[in-house]
Protein backbone atom coordinates (compact mmCIF):
# COMPACT_ATOMS: atom_id res chain seq x y z
CA MET A 1 10.48 -24.00 34.26
CA ASN A 2 12.06 -24.96 31.41
CA ILE A 3 13.74 -22.51 29.03
CA LEU A 4 15.42 -23.24 25.36
CA LEU A 5 17.52 -20.57 24.10
CA VAL A 6 17.79 -19.99 20.05
CA TYR A 7 21.09 -18.72 19.68
CA ALA A 8 22.25 -16.88 16.38
CA HIS A 9 25.88 -15.42 16.44
CA PRO A 10 28.98 -16.11 14.64
CA GLU A 11 31.19 -14.50 17.74
CA SER A 12 31.67 -15.65 21.51
CA ALA A 13 33.09 -12.35 22.55
CA SER A 14 30.79 -10.44 20.73
CA LEU A 15 27.85 -8.43 22.37
CA ASN A 16 25.06 -10.80 21.66
CA GLY A 17 27.71 -14.00 23.03
CA SER A 18 28.08 -11.81 25.89
CA LEU A 19 24.31 -11.07 26.75
CA LYS A 20 23.56 -15.07 25.72
CA ASP A 21 26.11 -15.60 28.32
CA PHE A 22 24.17 -13.64 31.12
CA THR A 23 21.01 -15.03 30.23
CA VAL A 24 22.03 -18.24 30.96
CA LYS A 25 23.71 -17.27 33.86
CA HIS A 26 20.91 -15.51 35.50
CA LEU A 27 18.44 -18.10 34.69
CA GLU A 28 20.08 -20.86 36.10
CA ASN A 29 20.99 -18.68 39.09
CA ALA A 30 17.04 -18.22 39.45
CA GLY A 31 16.48 -21.83 39.35
CA HIS A 32 15.13 -22.64 35.85
CA SER A 33 16.61 -25.37 33.44
CA VAL A 34 18.29 -24.01 30.83
CA GLN A 35 19.09 -25.69 26.79
CA VAL A 36 20.83 -23.75 24.87
CA SER A 37 21.10 -24.05 20.66
CA ASP A 38 24.25 -22.34 19.31
CA LEU A 39 23.65 -22.56 15.98
CA TYR A 40 27.09 -21.23 14.58
CA ALA A 41 29.04 -23.59 17.04
CA MET A 42 26.35 -26.58 16.12
CA LYS A 43 26.93 -26.24 12.50
CA TRP A 44 23.56 -25.98 11.44
CA LYS A 45 22.68 -26.99 8.16
CA THR A 46 20.65 -24.21 6.87
CA SER A 47 19.01 -25.66 3.56
CA LEU A 48 15.63 -27.37 3.62
CA ASP A 49 15.97 -30.17 1.20
CA ALA A 50 15.40 -33.68 0.62
CA ASP A 51 18.29 -34.74 2.74
CA ASP A 52 15.73 -33.77 5.81
CA SER A 53 14.19 -37.15 5.47
CA LEU A 54 16.04 -40.16 5.56
CA ASP A 55 13.93 -41.73 2.84
CA SER A 56 15.00 -39.36 0.50
CA ILE A 57 16.06 -41.21 -3.24
CA ASN A 58 18.22 -39.14 -5.35
CA GLY A 59 16.76 -37.90 -8.33
CA GLU A 60 13.61 -37.85 -6.92
CA PHE A 61 10.99 -34.89 -7.32
CA PHE A 62 11.37 -32.99 -3.89
CA ASP A 63 8.28 -31.88 -2.35
CA ALA A 64 9.04 -29.91 0.54
CA VAL A 65 5.76 -30.06 2.33
CA MET A 66 4.90 -33.34 1.69
CA SER A 67 8.41 -34.42 2.10
CA SER A 68 8.82 -32.81 5.64
CA ARG A 69 4.93 -34.59 6.74
CA GLN A 70 6.15 -37.96 5.40
CA ALA A 71 9.72 -37.51 7.48
CA PHE A 72 7.71 -36.36 10.71
CA ASP A 73 4.55 -38.88 10.80
CA HIS A 74 7.25 -41.81 10.59
CA GLY A 75 9.71 -40.80 12.52
CA ARG A 76 12.26 -40.60 10.19
CA GLN A 77 13.48 -37.09 9.97
CA SER A 78 17.17 -36.36 10.10
CA GLU A 79 18.28 -36.73 13.81
CA ASP A 80 19.30 -32.48 14.37
CA ILE A 81 15.61 -31.94 13.39
CA ALA A 82 14.12 -34.63 15.74
CA ILE A 83 16.48 -33.09 18.55
CA GLU A 84 15.28 -29.72 18.06
CA GLN A 85 11.64 -30.61 18.30
CA GLU A 86 12.26 -32.51 21.13
CA LYS A 87 13.57 -29.34 22.94
CA LEU A 88 10.89 -27.46 21.86
CA ARG A 89 8.31 -29.76 23.35
CA TRP A 90 10.35 -29.60 27.08
CA ALA A 91 10.38 -25.82 26.71
CA ASP A 92 7.59 -23.73 28.74
CA THR A 93 9.53 -20.82 27.33
CA VAL A 94 11.67 -20.12 24.22
CA ILE A 95 14.00 -17.54 23.92
CA LEU A 96 15.30 -16.44 20.30
CA GLN A 97 18.32 -14.21 20.18
CA PHE A 98 20.07 -12.72 17.14
CA PRO A 99 21.05 -9.69 15.62
CA LEU A 100 19.13 -7.88 13.32
CA TRP A 101 20.81 -7.99 10.02
CA TRP A 102 18.94 -6.72 6.96
CA PHE A 103 15.56 -6.14 8.91
CA SER A 104 15.39 -9.88 9.75
CA MET A 105 16.96 -12.82 11.51
CA PRO A 106 20.27 -14.26 10.71
CA ALA A 107 19.69 -16.87 7.46
CA ILE A 108 20.99 -19.46 9.88
CA LEU A 109 17.94 -19.01 12.53
CA LYS A 110 15.48 -18.62 9.46
CA GLY A 111 17.28 -22.07 8.14
CA TRP A 112 16.10 -23.54 11.55
CA VAL A 113 12.76 -22.60 11.87
CA GLU A 114 12.24 -23.94 8.71
CA ARG A 115 13.65 -26.94 9.26
CA VAL A 116 12.80 -27.94 12.32
CA TYR A 117 9.06 -26.38 11.84
CA ALA A 118 8.12 -29.58 9.81
CA ASN A 119 4.68 -30.19 9.08
CA GLY A 120 2.47 -31.62 11.23
CA PHE A 121 4.51 -30.32 14.19
CA ALA A 122 4.04 -26.50 13.67
CA TYR A 123 2.00 -26.21 10.94
CA GLY A 124 -0.27 -28.79 8.84
CA VAL A 125 -2.30 -29.06 12.48
CA GLY A 126 -6.14 -29.00 12.96
CA GLU A 127 -9.51 -29.43 11.08
CA HIS A 128 -9.90 -27.16 7.71
CA SER A 129 -13.72 -26.38 7.46
CA ASP A 130 -15.57 -23.27 7.34
CA ILE A 131 -15.79 -22.75 10.98
CA HIS A 132 -11.69 -23.26 12.08
CA TRP A 133 -8.95 -23.44 9.82
CA GLY A 134 -6.25 -25.20 11.16
CA ASP A 135 -4.79 -25.18 14.40
CA ARG A 136 -2.80 -21.80 14.32
CA TYR A 137 -2.09 -18.21 15.31
CA GLY A 138 -2.90 -19.07 18.99
CA GLU A 139 -3.46 -23.07 18.88
CA GLY A 140 -1.21 -25.53 17.50
CA ASN A 141 1.43 -27.86 19.25
CA LEU A 142 3.08 -25.13 20.60
CA ALA A 143 -0.08 -23.16 22.65
CA GLY A 144 0.36 -22.81 26.39
CA LYS A 145 4.23 -22.13 26.15
CA ARG A 146 5.77 -18.30 26.10
CA ALA A 147 8.50 -16.97 23.75
CA MET A 148 10.06 -13.91 23.47
CA LEU A 149 12.99 -12.18 21.30
CA ILE A 150 15.95 -11.25 22.54
CA VAL A 151 17.53 -8.58 19.46
CA THR A 152 20.34 -6.42 18.64
CA ALA A 153 20.30 -3.71 16.26
CA GLY A 154 23.30 -1.39 14.94
CA GLY A 155 20.98 1.97 14.57
CA TRP A 156 19.45 3.90 16.86
CA GLU A 157 16.37 3.47 18.47
CA SER A 158 15.15 6.62 16.88
CA HIS A 159 15.84 4.71 13.48
CA TYR A 160 13.33 2.03 14.08
CA SER A 161 10.29 4.89 15.67
CA ALA A 162 7.33 5.03 14.39
CA ARG A 163 8.51 7.83 11.80
CA GLY A 164 11.56 6.67 11.75
CA ILE A 165 13.80 5.79 8.28
CA ASN A 166 13.97 2.25 9.28
CA GLY A 167 10.13 1.55 9.70
CA PRO A 168 8.47 0.85 13.26
CA ILE A 169 10.42 -1.91 15.05
CA ASP A 170 7.01 -3.65 15.67
CA ASP A 171 6.04 -3.83 12.36
CA ILE A 172 9.91 -5.10 11.40
CA LEU A 173 9.10 -7.89 13.70
CA PHE A 174 5.85 -8.82 13.06
CA PRO A 175 6.88 -12.06 10.52
CA ILE A 176 8.81 -13.27 13.18
CA GLN A 177 6.92 -12.48 16.35
CA HIS A 178 3.03 -13.04 14.79
CA GLY A 179 3.87 -15.26 11.98
CA ILE A 180 6.78 -17.71 13.42
CA LEU A 181 5.71 -17.68 17.07
CA TYR A 182 2.27 -16.88 17.38
CA TYR A 183 1.39 -19.18 14.34
CA PRO A 184 2.08 -22.65 16.31
CA GLY A 185 0.28 -21.46 19.27
CA PHE A 186 3.03 -19.70 21.34
CA ASP A 187 2.22 -16.81 23.68
CA VAL A 188 4.70 -13.83 22.25
CA LEU A 189 6.06 -11.27 25.04
CA PRO A 190 7.34 -8.00 24.25
CA PRO A 191 11.16 -8.10 22.51
CA PHE A 192 13.56 -7.08 24.40
CA MET A 193 15.57 -4.53 22.19
CA VAL A 194 19.32 -3.60 22.19
CA TYR A 195 20.05 -0.16 19.89
CA ARG A 196 23.33 1.37 19.31
CA THR A 197 25.46 -2.07 19.39
CA ASN A 198 28.90 -0.20 18.59
CA LYS A 199 28.43 2.68 21.61
CA VAL A 200 27.55 -0.50 24.06
CA ASP A 201 30.79 0.18 26.76
CA GLN A 202 30.91 -1.35 30.15
CA ALA A 203 28.74 0.93 31.99
CA LYS A 204 25.67 0.49 29.27
CA PHE A 205 26.36 -3.10 29.55
CA ILE A 206 25.15 -3.24 33.06
CA ASP A 207 22.75 -0.82 32.37
CA ILE A 208 21.24 -3.26 29.59
CA THR A 209 22.15 -6.92 31.69
CA HIS A 210 19.63 -4.86 34.82
CA GLU A 211 16.80 -4.35 32.34
CA LEU A 212 17.61 -8.01 30.38
CA GLY A 213 17.98 -9.49 34.06
CA GLN A 214 14.29 -7.60 35.19
CA ARG A 215 12.48 -8.94 31.84
CA LEU A 216 13.71 -12.62 32.59
CA ASP A 217 12.63 -12.89 36.18
CA HIS A 218 9.06 -11.33 34.89
CA LEU A 219 9.07 -14.28 31.91
CA ALA A 220 5.91 -16.31 33.75
CA ILE A 221 3.75 -12.92 34.36
CA THR A 222 4.55 -10.78 31.37
CA THR A 223 1.43 -9.78 29.48
CA PRO A 224 1.66 -11.21 25.76
CA ILE A 225 1.17 -9.15 23.26
CA GLY A 226 -2.30 -9.52 22.28
CA PHE A 227 -2.37 -10.86 18.65
CA ARG A 228 -5.64 -11.71 17.69
CA GLN A 229 -6.92 -15.54 17.50
CA GLN A 230 -7.59 -16.45 13.71
CA ASN A 231 -10.43 -18.86 15.05
CA GLY A 232 -11.51 -17.38 18.47
CA GLY A 233 -14.40 -15.21 15.82
CA SER A 234 -12.95 -12.15 14.83
CA TYR A 235 -11.65 -13.26 11.01
CA ALA A 236 -14.25 -14.30 8.47
CA ILE A 237 -13.29 -18.07 7.95
CA PRO A 238 -12.52 -19.61 5.15
CA GLN A 239 -11.53 -16.12 4.00
CA LEU A 240 -9.53 -15.35 6.83
CA THR A 241 -9.78 -11.45 6.95
CA LEU A 242 -10.84 -9.40 9.91
CA ARG A 243 -14.53 -8.89 10.02
CA GLU A 244 -15.95 -5.63 8.73
CA ASP A 245 -16.80 -4.29 11.95
CA ILE A 246 -13.77 -4.49 13.36
CA ALA A 247 -10.85 -1.57 13.45
CA PRO A 248 -13.07 -0.61 10.01
CA ASP A 249 -11.15 2.72 9.25
CA ARG A 250 -7.85 0.62 9.55
CA SER A 251 -5.10 -1.39 7.93
CA GLY A 252 -1.49 -2.87 8.00
CA PHE A 253 0.19 -5.33 10.73
CA ALA A 254 -1.54 -2.90 14.10
CA ILE A 255 -4.98 -4.00 12.84
CA HIS A 256 -4.10 -7.91 14.11
CA ILE A 257 -3.18 -6.92 17.76
CA GLU A 258 -6.27 -5.94 19.71
């Protein structure tokens, strides 16, 4: 299997750095081909702007969507974007690894998504009509691939439980798992979470890597999160609202999971 690990932590000697090293070694020892995009080591440019197109003109009005589409369609994207897109095409499975900072991913990883997910590549694809609203949410150029998050958090697991003060972890990760991964077509596997990072000693690290190793060994057979496919009949089109007969007395993120 070809596996791309997109890694976002500035300290190689951190817990995240150790987990990244373990993941790569474990996968390679199992016979997989692995590429790593270490965003901090790459000094990844975070901001999406006119410089992402080789044809940008200084002072010209910048339309992010149109500029992205024109650069993608004509092979005029900046080289770093094109390289990461090729990695995504190559990969059978993509792993995003990051610490949970202020209830989301680090800015550098968000910037990777914003720049690499070009119009025509990860969005803006497929027919738009009264019966099919684009190839997205279960369809798209990345359909048939798998994706998983490896996330560390400083808080206790109970802080992210159904009644925890921070809110359920599934809700916090929903914009990433459903919006960033499922939207362009990935089958999204349940996340691998590590809590109370400042309490991880050597014994705990051994336990964590044992559990992580098991998850990595089952990447190809783990049942994905059952997100509802947009064009599969569950949603009214073009309103894109869940049909009234499905979960009629419920609302929130969970209604989008079968």
